[in-house]
Amino acid sequence: MSIRARVESLFLSRLGLLLLPRGCAGCGSPDAVLCADCRSLFDKRLSRSVYGVTAGAVACAQYTGAARLAVLAWKDHDDRECDIPFAACLARAALDLPEVRSAPSIVLIPVPSSEASARARGRQHMAVLVKRVCRILREQHGKDATVVGMLAAVGHKRSVQLSNARQRVDRADARFRMRGSYRVHPESMVLLFDDIITTGSTMRACVGTLTSAGVVVHAVLALADTPARGTRPVAHQAESPASMAG
């Protein structure tokens, strides 16, 4: 999408919100960014084991139905008002981890988009969201939380043909690089944040890059999980989701 087309699209979306009342990003209910019923879809805790990650990966919702529509509206259709409820969901998910509640400090790392994707969306959507999560943890829960953009996406030419599984794994591992040299306090809790878990290759590539640089990831947190066909993530309902705003 060209810059002109992007500007026109943003203008029309803002104009539409001024002229017409908005609907819930998930179900379309009037006058709500994300209605109570759709918010409750993000109170699940869907767990996956991840090699080298103590608490594994935890997603807030199953990537289906209204939850899927809400995430797509936010991620691909520029519904930036969803930043607030989605940040609250991820903050609750983080605080549901006992180790996070007791950690003296927390380091939050967003999974970066490629430069092309960030240009198309007009922003690094996960970086924006994680900054809001950090604000919730600091201002509402008194946590010593910091966002550190350690990772950068590495571009690849699509024309390269990958002939076997090993090459595909190597390519996935090379999708990200460290933006510099970082030293994390050994008592700090490191959390990696992504939007959607599909095959898990993105989070594994990020964890691998961070681990190789000496950064130990405690948990991966995501808005939604799309399990591989024939598998099902372990589901746990959030015990008592607090009302949070960012």
Protein backbone atom coordinates (compact mmCIF):
# COMPACT_ATOMS: atom_id res chain seq x y z
CA MET A 1 0.00 0.00 0.00
CA SER A 2 1.39 3.41 -1.00
CA ILE A 3 1.83 6.21 1.53
CA ARG A 4 -0.98 8.17 -0.16
CA ALA A 5 -3.33 5.19 -0.04
CA ARG A 6 -2.42 4.62 3.60
CA VAL A 7 -3.17 8.24 4.52
CA GLU A 8 -6.49 8.11 2.66
CA SER A 9 -7.44 4.88 4.42
CA LEU A 10 -6.63 6.32 7.85
CA PHE A 11 -8.57 9.51 7.05
CA LEU A 12 -11.64 7.59 5.94
CA SER A 13 -11.54 5.31 9.01
CA ARG A 14 -11.31 8.32 11.34
CA LEU A 15 -14.11 10.08 9.44
CA GLY A 16 -16.28 6.99 9.74
CA LEU A 17 -15.84 6.96 13.52
CA LEU A 18 -16.93 10.61 13.66
CA LEU A 19 -20.03 10.10 11.52
CA LEU A 20 -21.16 6.67 12.71
CA PRO A 21 -21.02 5.01 16.15
CA ARG A 22 -18.43 2.28 16.23
CA GLY A 23 -19.18 -1.36 16.94
CA CYS A 24 -17.36 -3.98 18.97
CA ALA A 25 -14.30 -5.22 17.11
CA GLY A 26 -15.33 -8.80 17.76
CA CYS A 27 -19.10 -9.01 17.38
CA GLY A 28 -20.20 -5.60 16.10
CA SER A 29 -22.28 -4.67 19.15
CA PRO A 30 -22.85 -0.90 19.05
CA ASP A 31 -20.95 1.68 21.07
CA ALA A 32 -18.17 -0.60 22.30
CA VAL A 33 -14.53 -1.04 21.34
CA LEU A 34 -14.61 -4.57 22.74
CA CYS A 35 -17.83 -5.57 24.50
CA ALA A 36 -17.90 -7.45 27.81
CA ASP A 37 -18.71 -10.76 26.13
CA CYS A 38 -15.82 -10.44 23.68
CA ARG A 39 -13.45 -9.29 26.42
CA SER A 40 -14.28 -12.44 28.34
CA LEU A 41 -13.00 -14.49 25.40
CA PHE A 42 -9.52 -13.21 26.29
CA ASP A 43 -9.67 -14.52 29.87
CA LYS A 44 -8.47 -17.97 28.88
CA ARG A 45 -4.91 -19.12 29.49
CA LEU A 46 -3.86 -21.42 26.65
CA SER A 47 -0.46 -22.93 27.39
CA ARG A 48 2.23 -24.38 25.15
CA SER A 49 5.62 -25.68 26.15
CA VAL A 50 8.55 -23.87 24.54
CA TYR A 51 12.09 -25.22 24.72
CA GLY A 52 14.24 -23.03 26.95
CA VAL A 53 11.31 -21.03 28.33
CA THR A 54 10.47 -21.79 31.96
CA ALA A 55 6.76 -20.96 31.90
CA GLY A 56 6.27 -21.73 28.22
CA ALA A 57 3.85 -19.73 26.07
CA VAL A 58 0.51 -18.46 27.33
CA ALA A 59 -2.20 -17.03 25.07
CA CYS A 60 -5.26 -15.09 26.23
CA ALA A 61 -7.73 -16.49 23.69
CA GLN A 62 -8.34 -19.12 21.06
CA TYR A 63 -7.87 -17.61 17.60
CA THR A 64 -11.40 -18.33 16.42
CA GLY A 65 -14.76 -16.60 16.13
CA ALA A 66 -15.19 -13.16 17.65
CA ALA A 67 -11.72 -13.23 19.25
CA ARG A 68 -10.16 -13.76 15.82
CA LEU A 69 -12.21 -10.93 14.30
CA ALA A 70 -11.18 -8.59 17.10
CA VAL A 71 -7.48 -9.36 16.72
CA LEU A 72 -7.69 -8.94 12.94
CA ALA A 73 -9.53 -5.63 13.29
CA TRP A 74 -6.74 -4.39 15.54
CA LYS A 75 -3.79 -5.88 13.71
CA ASP A 76 -4.70 -5.61 10.03
CA HIS A 77 -7.50 -3.03 9.92
CA ASP A 78 -5.96 -0.33 12.09
CA ASP A 79 -8.47 -0.44 14.95
CA ARG A 80 -6.10 1.27 17.34
CA GLU A 81 -8.75 1.74 20.00
CA CYS A 82 -8.28 -1.98 20.73
CA ASP A 83 -4.84 -1.14 22.14
CA ILE A 84 -6.47 -0.39 25.50
CA PRO A 85 -8.45 -3.61 26.10
CA PHE A 86 -5.77 -5.81 24.55
CA ALA A 87 -3.05 -4.29 26.73
CA ALA A 88 -5.24 -4.95 29.77
CA CYS A 89 -5.65 -8.59 28.70
CA LEU A 90 -1.90 -9.10 28.37
CA ALA A 91 -1.21 -7.33 31.66
CA ARG A 92 -3.64 -9.69 33.42
CA ALA A 93 -2.00 -12.68 31.76
CA ALA A 94 1.41 -11.52 32.96
CA LEU A 95 0.17 -11.01 36.51
CA ASP A 96 -1.40 -14.47 36.52
CA LEU A 97 2.15 -15.87 36.51
CA PRO A 98 3.22 -16.18 40.19
CA GLU A 99 6.86 -15.53 39.35
CA VAL A 100 5.95 -12.25 37.68
CA ARG A 101 3.97 -11.09 40.71
CA SER A 102 7.00 -11.68 42.95
CA ALA A 103 9.73 -10.55 40.54
CA PRO A 104 11.72 -7.48 41.65
CA SER A 105 11.80 -6.23 38.04
CA ILE A 106 10.28 -7.19 34.71
CA VAL A 107 11.71 -6.76 31.20
CA LEU A 108 9.12 -6.71 28.42
CA ILE A 109 10.26 -7.51 24.87
CA PRO A 110 7.91 -7.10 21.89
CA VAL A 111 8.22 -9.34 18.84
CA PRO A 112 9.05 -6.91 16.02
CA SER A 113 7.30 -6.75 12.66
CA SER A 114 9.27 -6.60 9.45
CA GLU A 115 9.95 -3.13 8.08
CA ALA A 116 7.50 -3.76 5.25
CA SER A 117 4.72 -4.81 7.63
CA ALA A 118 5.37 -1.86 9.93
CA ARG A 119 5.19 0.53 6.97
CA ALA A 120 1.91 -1.02 5.80
CA ARG A 121 0.36 -0.71 9.27
CA GLY A 122 1.90 2.65 10.02
CA ARG A 123 3.49 1.43 13.24
CA GLN A 124 5.20 -1.43 15.09
CA HIS A 125 1.92 -2.61 16.59
CA MET A 126 3.40 -4.94 19.22
CA ALA A 127 5.86 -2.30 20.43
CA VAL A 128 2.98 0.14 20.92
CA LEU A 129 0.89 -2.47 22.73
CA VAL A 130 3.70 -3.64 25.02
CA LYS A 131 4.45 -0.04 26.04
CA ARG A 132 0.85 0.21 27.18
CA VAL A 133 1.14 -3.10 29.05
CA CYS A 134 4.23 -1.74 30.77
CA ARG A 135 2.34 1.39 31.80
CA ILE A 136 -0.41 -0.73 33.37
CA LEU A 137 2.11 -2.81 35.31
CA ARG A 138 3.95 0.25 36.55
CA GLU A 139 1.11 2.67 37.29
CA GLN A 140 -1.62 0.31 38.46
CA HIS A 141 0.41 -2.46 40.09
CA GLY A 142 3.63 -0.76 41.17
CA LYS A 143 5.88 -3.07 39.15
CA ASP A 144 9.38 -2.14 38.10
CA ALA A 145 8.67 -2.88 34.45
CA THR A 146 10.65 -1.76 31.41
CA VAL A 147 10.14 -2.24 27.67
CA VAL A 148 13.33 -3.06 25.80
CA GLY A 149 13.25 -3.41 22.02
CA MET A 150 16.06 -5.94 21.85
CA LEU A 151 14.97 -7.61 18.64
CA ALA A 152 14.84 -6.53 15.01
CA ALA A 153 13.33 -8.44 12.12
CA VAL A 154 15.68 -9.48 9.34
CA GLY A 155 14.35 -9.23 5.80
CA HIS A 156 14.65 -12.11 3.33
CA LYS A 157 14.09 -12.30 -0.38
CA ARG A 158 10.98 -14.31 -1.12
CA SER A 159 12.57 -15.79 -4.24
CA VAL A 160 14.90 -18.02 -2.23
CA GLN A 161 13.72 -21.63 -2.51
CA LEU A 162 14.08 -23.82 0.57
CA SER A 163 14.60 -27.44 -0.38
CA ASN A 164 14.32 -29.21 2.96
CA ALA A 165 13.09 -28.93 6.53
CA ARG A 166 16.56 -28.12 7.92
CA GLN A 167 16.87 -25.11 5.63
CA ARG A 168 13.41 -23.92 6.65
CA VAL A 169 14.38 -24.17 10.33
CA ASP A 170 17.63 -22.29 9.67
CA ARG A 171 15.68 -19.61 7.80
CA ALA A 172 13.25 -19.25 10.72
CA ASP A 173 16.13 -18.96 13.19
CA ALA A 174 17.62 -16.17 11.07
CA ARG A 175 14.44 -14.06 10.98
CA PHE A 176 15.53 -11.93 13.95
CA ARG A 177 18.69 -10.33 15.25
CA MET A 178 19.70 -8.48 18.38
CA ARG A 179 19.66 -4.70 18.03
CA GLY A 180 22.63 -4.38 20.32
CA SER A 181 24.32 -5.90 23.34
CA TYR A 182 22.17 -6.20 26.46
CA ARG A 183 22.79 -7.32 30.02
CA VAL A 184 19.72 -8.29 32.02
CA HIS A 185 19.85 -8.46 35.81
CA PRO A 186 19.73 -12.13 36.83
CA GLU A 187 16.70 -11.51 39.09
CA SER A 188 14.72 -9.74 36.35
CA MET A 189 11.81 -11.58 34.75
CA VAL A 190 11.98 -11.46 30.95
CA LEU A 191 8.67 -11.66 29.06
CA LEU A 192 8.36 -11.91 25.29
CA PHE A 193 5.13 -10.61 23.70
CA ASP A 194 3.56 -11.63 20.39
CA ASP A 195 0.13 -11.14 18.83
CA ILE A 196 -0.84 -14.57 17.48
CA ILE A 197 0.80 -17.96 17.95
CA THR A 198 0.31 -20.14 14.87
CA THR A 199 3.01 -22.73 14.24
CA GLY A 200 5.18 -21.25 16.99
CA SER A 201 8.10 -20.65 14.62
CA THR A 202 8.18 -16.90 15.32
CA MET A 203 8.37 -17.23 19.09
CA ARG A 204 10.94 -20.04 18.83
CA ALA A 205 13.08 -17.92 16.52
CA CYS A 206 12.87 -14.96 18.91
CA VAL A 207 13.63 -17.11 21.95
CA GLY A 208 16.56 -18.68 20.11
CA THR A 209 18.01 -15.29 19.21
CA LEU A 210 17.62 -13.98 22.75
CA THR A 211 19.03 -17.15 24.33
CA SER A 212 22.07 -17.06 22.06
CA ALA A 213 22.69 -13.53 23.31
CA GLY A 214 22.48 -14.65 26.93
CA VAL A 215 18.94 -13.36 27.59
CA VAL A 216 16.80 -15.98 29.35
CA VAL A 217 13.10 -15.73 28.53
CA HIS A 218 10.77 -16.73 31.35
CA ALA A 219 7.49 -16.69 29.41
CA VAL A 220 5.97 -15.84 26.05
CA LEU A 221 2.61 -14.04 26.18
CA ALA A 222 0.25 -13.69 23.21
CA LEU A 223 -3.23 -12.43 22.54
CA ALA A 224 -4.36 -15.58 20.75
CA ASP A 225 -3.30 -19.12 19.92
CA THR A 226 -3.98 -21.11 16.78
CA PRO A 227 -2.93 -24.67 17.62
CA ALA A 228 -1.53 -26.90 14.93
CA ARG A 229 -4.05 -29.28 13.38
CA GLY A 230 -4.55 -32.32 15.54
CA THR A 231 -3.21 -30.62 18.69
CA ARG A 232 -4.91 -28.63 21.39
CA PRO A 233 -3.25 -26.19 23.82
CA VAL A 234 -3.84 -26.73 27.53
CA ALA A 235 -6.57 -24.30 28.62
CA HIS A 236 -6.87 -22.63 32.01
CA GLN A 237 -9.43 -19.96 32.86
CA ALA A 238 -8.07 -16.83 34.48
CA GLU A 239 -8.93 -17.01 38.17
CA SER A 240 -10.08 -13.46 38.82
CA PRO A 241 -9.43 -11.00 36.00
CA ALA A 242 -9.15 -7.49 37.38
CA SER A 243 -10.60 -4.49 35.69
CA MET A 244 -7.70 -2.71 34.02
CA ALA A 245 -7.39 0.21 31.70
CA GLY A 246 -4.36 1.60 29.97
